């Protein structure tokens, strides 16, 4: 199982109306640190299945979403709960950094 790839059209339903917390990785395929974070994000999707929705947004394809959420540098991870942003981290803090964000949302 890997992370869900979000598009602008399904963002409201999959994130803002989600019954469980949502962890979103804003990335681009050309970004080195994003490529390091990618497999970890997919791992988290498997580990937290049914507890947290883990998703990715390609900022090149979804510029409107990136702009709306103030994504200025990548990778950036934003944690949503009950339709609201509750945490964000820029850069790749390692798996432990991501797990810490998820645990705060549970």
N, C-alpha and C. Protein backbone atom coordinates (compact mmCIF):
# COMPACT_ATOMS: atom_id res chain seq x y z
N UNK A 1 0.85 -1.19 0.00
CA UNK A 1 0.00 0.00 0.00
C UNK A 1 0.89 1.24 0.00
N UNK A 2 0.57 2.16 -0.87
CA UNK A 2 1.34 3.39 -0.88
C UNK A 2 0.39 4.56 -0.61
N UNK A 3 0.99 5.72 -0.43
CA UNK A 3 0.21 6.92 -0.14
C UNK A 3 -0.70 7.27 -1.31
N UNK A 4 -1.83 7.85 -0.98
CA UNK A 4 -2.81 8.30 -1.95
C UNK A 4 -2.30 9.57 -2.63
N UNK A 5 -2.42 9.64 -3.96
CA UNK A 5 -2.03 10.87 -4.67
C UNK A 5 -3.25 11.76 -4.80
N UNK A 6 -3.18 12.92 -4.15
CA UNK A 6 -4.32 13.84 -4.13
C UNK A 6 -4.29 14.83 -5.28
N UNK A 7 -5.47 15.15 -5.76
CA UNK A 7 -5.67 16.19 -6.77
C UNK A 7 -6.58 17.24 -6.16
N UNK A 8 -6.59 18.41 -6.75
CA UNK A 8 -7.42 19.51 -6.25
C UNK A 8 -8.89 19.08 -6.12
N UNK A 9 -9.38 18.32 -7.10
CA UNK A 9 -10.79 17.93 -7.12
C UNK A 9 -11.21 17.01 -5.97
N UNK A 10 -10.29 16.20 -5.45
CA UNK A 10 -10.69 15.29 -4.36
C UNK A 10 -10.17 15.74 -2.99
N UNK A 11 -9.53 16.90 -2.93
CA UNK A 11 -8.93 17.38 -1.68
C UNK A 11 -9.99 17.59 -0.59
N UNK A 12 -11.08 18.26 -0.94
CA UNK A 12 -12.12 18.55 0.05
C UNK A 12 -12.67 17.27 0.67
N UNK A 13 -13.03 16.32 -0.18
CA UNK A 13 -13.62 15.07 0.30
C UNK A 13 -12.62 14.23 1.09
N UNK A 14 -11.39 14.09 0.56
CA UNK A 14 -10.41 13.18 1.16
C UNK A 14 -9.65 13.79 2.35
N UNK A 15 -9.61 15.13 2.43
CA UNK A 15 -8.85 15.76 3.51
C UNK A 15 -9.77 16.53 4.46
N UNK A 16 -10.45 17.52 3.93
CA UNK A 16 -11.23 18.41 4.80
C UNK A 16 -12.43 17.72 5.43
N UNK A 17 -12.98 16.69 4.76
CA UNK A 17 -14.13 15.97 5.31
C UNK A 17 -13.75 14.60 5.88
N UNK A 18 -12.47 14.32 5.99
CA UNK A 18 -12.00 13.02 6.48
C UNK A 18 -12.36 12.82 7.95
N UNK A 19 -12.76 11.60 8.27
CA UNK A 19 -13.10 11.26 9.66
C UNK A 19 -11.84 10.94 10.48
N UNK A 20 -10.73 10.68 9.78
CA UNK A 20 -9.46 10.38 10.46
C UNK A 20 -8.44 11.46 10.08
N UNK A 21 -7.36 11.62 10.89
CA UNK A 21 -6.34 12.61 10.55
C UNK A 21 -5.72 12.31 9.17
N UNK A 22 -5.24 13.37 8.50
CA UNK A 22 -4.64 13.22 7.17
C UNK A 22 -3.24 13.83 7.18
N UNK A 23 -2.27 13.03 6.76
CA UNK A 23 -0.86 13.42 6.68
C UNK A 23 -0.57 13.62 5.20
N UNK A 24 -0.18 14.85 4.80
CA UNK A 24 0.05 15.13 3.38
C UNK A 24 1.48 15.57 3.13
N UNK A 25 2.12 14.88 2.20
CA UNK A 25 3.47 15.19 1.76
C UNK A 25 3.38 16.00 0.46
N UNK A 26 3.75 17.28 0.52
CA UNK A 26 3.82 18.11 -0.68
C UNK A 26 5.23 17.94 -1.25
N UNK A 27 5.33 17.47 -2.49
CA UNK A 27 6.61 17.10 -3.06
C UNK A 27 6.68 17.44 -4.55
N UNK A 28 7.89 17.24 -5.13
CA UNK A 28 8.07 17.29 -6.58
C UNK A 28 9.05 16.19 -6.94
N UNK A 29 8.86 15.55 -8.10
CA UNK A 29 9.72 14.43 -8.49
C UNK A 29 11.20 14.81 -8.63
N UNK A 30 11.51 16.07 -8.91
CA UNK A 30 12.89 16.51 -9.12
C UNK A 30 13.60 16.88 -7.82
N UNK A 31 12.91 16.88 -6.71
CA UNK A 31 13.45 17.33 -5.42
C UNK A 31 14.15 16.18 -4.70
N UNK A 32 15.45 16.33 -4.44
CA UNK A 32 16.25 15.28 -3.79
C UNK A 32 15.70 14.83 -2.44
N UNK A 33 15.52 15.76 -1.48
CA UNK A 33 14.99 15.36 -0.18
C UNK A 33 13.59 14.73 -0.29
N UNK A 34 12.81 15.15 -1.29
CA UNK A 34 11.48 14.57 -1.49
C UNK A 34 11.61 13.09 -1.88
N UNK A 35 12.62 12.80 -2.68
CA UNK A 35 12.83 11.41 -3.10
C UNK A 35 13.25 10.54 -1.91
N UNK A 36 13.95 11.13 -0.96
CA UNK A 36 14.31 10.40 0.27
C UNK A 36 13.07 10.16 1.13
N UNK A 37 12.22 11.17 1.21
CA UNK A 37 11.03 11.08 2.06
C UNK A 37 9.97 10.15 1.47
N UNK A 38 9.89 10.06 0.15
CA UNK A 38 8.84 9.29 -0.52
C UNK A 38 8.62 7.88 -0.01
N UNK A 39 9.67 7.05 0.03
CA UNK A 39 9.48 5.67 0.52
C UNK A 39 9.05 5.62 1.98
N UNK A 40 9.49 6.58 2.78
CA UNK A 40 9.10 6.63 4.20
C UNK A 40 7.62 6.96 4.30
N UNK A 41 7.16 7.88 3.47
CA UNK A 41 5.74 8.25 3.46
C UNK A 41 4.89 7.03 3.08
N UNK A 42 5.33 6.26 2.07
CA UNK A 42 4.61 5.05 1.68
C UNK A 42 4.59 4.03 2.82
N UNK A 43 5.70 3.93 3.54
CA UNK A 43 5.79 3.01 4.69
C UNK A 43 4.76 3.41 5.76
N UNK A 44 4.66 4.71 6.02
CA UNK A 44 3.71 5.21 7.02
C UNK A 44 2.28 4.93 6.61
N UNK A 45 2.01 4.99 5.30
CA UNK A 45 0.66 4.70 4.79
C UNK A 45 0.26 3.28 5.18
N UNK A 46 1.21 2.38 5.12
CA UNK A 46 0.96 0.98 5.47
C UNK A 46 0.83 0.82 6.99
N UNK A 47 1.77 1.41 7.72
CA UNK A 47 1.79 1.27 9.18
C UNK A 47 0.58 1.88 9.87
N UNK A 48 0.08 2.99 9.34
CA UNK A 48 -1.02 3.69 10.01
C UNK A 48 -2.35 3.54 9.27
N UNK A 49 -2.41 2.54 8.38
CA UNK A 49 -3.62 2.25 7.63
C UNK A 49 -4.82 2.20 8.58
N UNK A 50 -5.93 2.79 8.21
CA UNK A 50 -7.17 2.85 9.00
C UNK A 50 -7.14 3.84 10.16
N UNK A 51 -5.95 4.33 10.55
CA UNK A 51 -5.87 5.31 11.64
C UNK A 51 -5.62 6.71 11.11
N UNK A 52 -4.78 6.78 10.05
CA UNK A 52 -4.40 8.05 9.44
C UNK A 52 -4.39 7.87 7.93
N UNK A 53 -4.95 8.84 7.22
CA UNK A 53 -4.86 8.82 5.76
C UNK A 53 -3.53 9.48 5.39
N UNK A 54 -2.72 8.78 4.62
CA UNK A 54 -1.42 9.31 4.21
C UNK A 54 -1.49 9.61 2.71
N UNK A 55 -1.17 10.86 2.37
CA UNK A 55 -1.33 11.29 0.98
C UNK A 55 -0.14 12.11 0.51
N UNK A 56 -0.05 12.25 -0.82
CA UNK A 56 1.00 13.06 -1.44
C UNK A 56 0.35 14.03 -2.41
N UNK A 57 0.95 15.21 -2.53
CA UNK A 57 0.51 16.19 -3.51
C UNK A 57 1.74 16.62 -4.31
N UNK A 58 1.70 16.39 -5.61
CA UNK A 58 2.78 16.82 -6.50
C UNK A 58 2.58 18.32 -6.76
N UNK A 59 3.49 19.15 -6.24
CA UNK A 59 3.31 20.60 -6.33
C UNK A 59 3.41 21.12 -7.77
N UNK A 60 4.09 20.38 -8.65
CA UNK A 60 4.16 20.80 -10.05
C UNK A 60 2.80 20.63 -10.73
N UNK A 61 2.09 19.57 -10.37
CA UNK A 61 0.79 19.29 -10.98
C UNK A 61 -0.35 20.01 -10.27
N UNK A 62 -0.18 20.28 -9.00
CA UNK A 62 -1.26 20.88 -8.19
C UNK A 62 -0.79 22.20 -7.57
N UNK A 63 -0.40 23.13 -8.43
CA UNK A 63 0.13 24.42 -7.96
C UNK A 63 -0.88 25.20 -7.14
N UNK A 64 -2.15 25.07 -7.51
CA UNK A 64 -3.20 25.80 -6.79
C UNK A 64 -3.28 25.35 -5.31
N UNK A 65 -3.19 24.04 -5.08
CA UNK A 65 -3.21 23.52 -3.71
C UNK A 65 -1.97 23.98 -2.95
N UNK A 66 -0.81 23.89 -3.60
CA UNK A 66 0.43 24.31 -2.95
C UNK A 66 0.36 25.77 -2.54
N UNK A 67 -0.18 26.58 -3.42
CA UNK A 67 -0.32 28.01 -3.14
C UNK A 67 -1.30 28.26 -2.00
N UNK A 68 -2.44 27.58 -2.06
CA UNK A 68 -3.48 27.74 -1.04
C UNK A 68 -2.95 27.44 0.36
N UNK A 69 -2.06 26.45 0.47
CA UNK A 69 -1.54 26.05 1.78
C UNK A 69 -0.14 26.62 2.06
N UNK A 70 0.27 27.60 1.25
CA UNK A 70 1.52 28.31 1.54
C UNK A 70 2.76 27.45 1.47
N UNK A 71 2.78 26.50 0.55
CA UNK A 71 3.94 25.62 0.41
C UNK A 71 4.99 26.39 -0.40
N UNK A 72 6.02 26.88 0.29
CA UNK A 72 7.07 27.67 -0.36
C UNK A 72 8.32 26.85 -0.65
N UNK A 73 8.58 25.86 0.20
CA UNK A 73 9.72 24.98 -0.06
C UNK A 73 9.28 23.55 0.22
N UNK A 74 9.93 22.62 -0.44
CA UNK A 74 9.55 21.22 -0.33
C UNK A 74 10.76 20.38 0.03
N UNK A 75 10.58 19.22 0.60
CA UNK A 75 9.30 18.66 0.98
C UNK A 75 8.68 19.42 2.16
N UNK A 76 7.36 19.47 2.14
CA UNK A 76 6.62 20.03 3.27
C UNK A 76 5.50 19.06 3.60
N UNK A 77 5.37 18.77 4.86
CA UNK A 77 4.31 17.87 5.30
C UNK A 77 3.35 18.66 6.17
N UNK A 78 2.06 18.50 5.87
CA UNK A 78 1.03 19.17 6.67
C UNK A 78 0.09 18.10 7.21
N UNK A 79 -0.19 18.21 8.49
CA UNK A 79 -1.09 17.27 9.18
C UNK A 79 -2.43 17.96 9.37
N UNK A 80 -3.50 17.30 8.93
CA UNK A 80 -4.85 17.84 9.10
C UNK A 80 -5.64 16.93 10.05
N UNK A 81 -6.49 17.56 10.86
CA UNK A 81 -7.40 16.80 11.72
C UNK A 81 -8.70 17.58 11.78
N UNK A 82 -9.82 16.89 11.58
CA UNK A 82 -11.14 17.53 11.57
C UNK A 82 -11.19 18.69 10.57
N UNK A 83 -10.50 18.52 9.43
CA UNK A 83 -10.54 19.51 8.37
C UNK A 83 -9.66 20.73 8.57
N UNK A 84 -8.87 20.73 9.65
CA UNK A 84 -8.01 21.88 9.94
C UNK A 84 -6.55 21.46 10.03
N UNK A 85 -5.68 22.37 9.62
CA UNK A 85 -4.24 22.12 9.75
C UNK A 85 -3.88 22.17 11.22
N UNK A 86 -3.17 21.13 11.69
CA UNK A 86 -2.75 21.14 13.11
C UNK A 86 -1.24 21.14 13.26
N UNK A 87 -0.51 20.85 12.18
CA UNK A 87 0.95 20.81 12.27
C UNK A 87 1.54 20.87 10.86
N UNK A 88 2.78 21.36 10.76
CA UNK A 88 3.48 21.33 9.48
C UNK A 88 4.99 21.30 9.72
N UNK A 89 5.68 20.65 8.81
CA UNK A 89 7.15 20.57 8.89
C UNK A 89 7.70 20.75 7.48
N UNK A 90 8.77 21.54 7.38
CA UNK A 90 9.46 21.70 6.11
C UNK A 90 10.74 20.88 6.17
N UNK A 91 11.08 20.25 5.04
CA UNK A 91 12.27 19.41 5.01
C UNK A 91 11.92 17.98 5.38
N UNK A 92 12.92 17.14 5.43
CA UNK A 92 12.70 15.73 5.77
C UNK A 92 13.29 15.45 7.14
N UNK A 93 12.45 15.38 8.19
CA UNK A 93 12.93 15.18 9.55
C UNK A 93 13.25 13.72 9.87
N UNK A 94 13.19 12.86 8.86
CA UNK A 94 13.38 11.43 9.10
C UNK A 94 12.06 10.81 9.52
N UNK A 95 12.03 9.50 9.52
CA UNK A 95 10.79 8.79 9.86
C UNK A 95 10.29 9.18 11.25
N UNK A 96 11.21 9.31 12.21
CA UNK A 96 10.83 9.65 13.58
C UNK A 96 10.09 10.99 13.64
N UNK A 97 10.55 11.96 12.86
CA UNK A 97 9.89 13.27 12.83
C UNK A 97 8.48 13.18 12.31
N UNK A 98 8.28 12.35 11.28
CA UNK A 98 6.94 12.16 10.72
C UNK A 98 6.04 11.41 11.71
N UNK A 99 6.58 10.37 12.36
CA UNK A 99 5.82 9.59 13.33
C UNK A 99 5.35 10.47 14.48
N UNK A 100 6.23 11.37 14.91
CA UNK A 100 5.90 12.30 16.00
C UNK A 100 4.68 13.15 15.61
N UNK A 101 4.65 13.65 14.37
CA UNK A 101 3.51 14.44 13.90
C UNK A 101 2.23 13.61 13.91
N UNK A 102 2.33 12.39 13.43
CA UNK A 102 1.15 11.50 13.36
C UNK A 102 0.63 11.20 14.76
N UNK A 103 1.54 10.88 15.69
CA UNK A 103 1.13 10.54 17.05
C UNK A 103 0.41 11.70 17.74
N UNK A 104 0.84 12.94 17.44
CA UNK A 104 0.18 14.12 18.03
C UNK A 104 -1.27 14.23 17.53
N UNK A 105 -1.52 13.73 16.33
CA UNK A 105 -2.86 13.86 15.73
C UNK A 105 -3.81 12.74 16.17
N UNK A 106 -3.25 11.67 16.72
CA UNK A 106 -4.10 10.53 17.10
C UNK A 106 -4.72 10.69 18.49
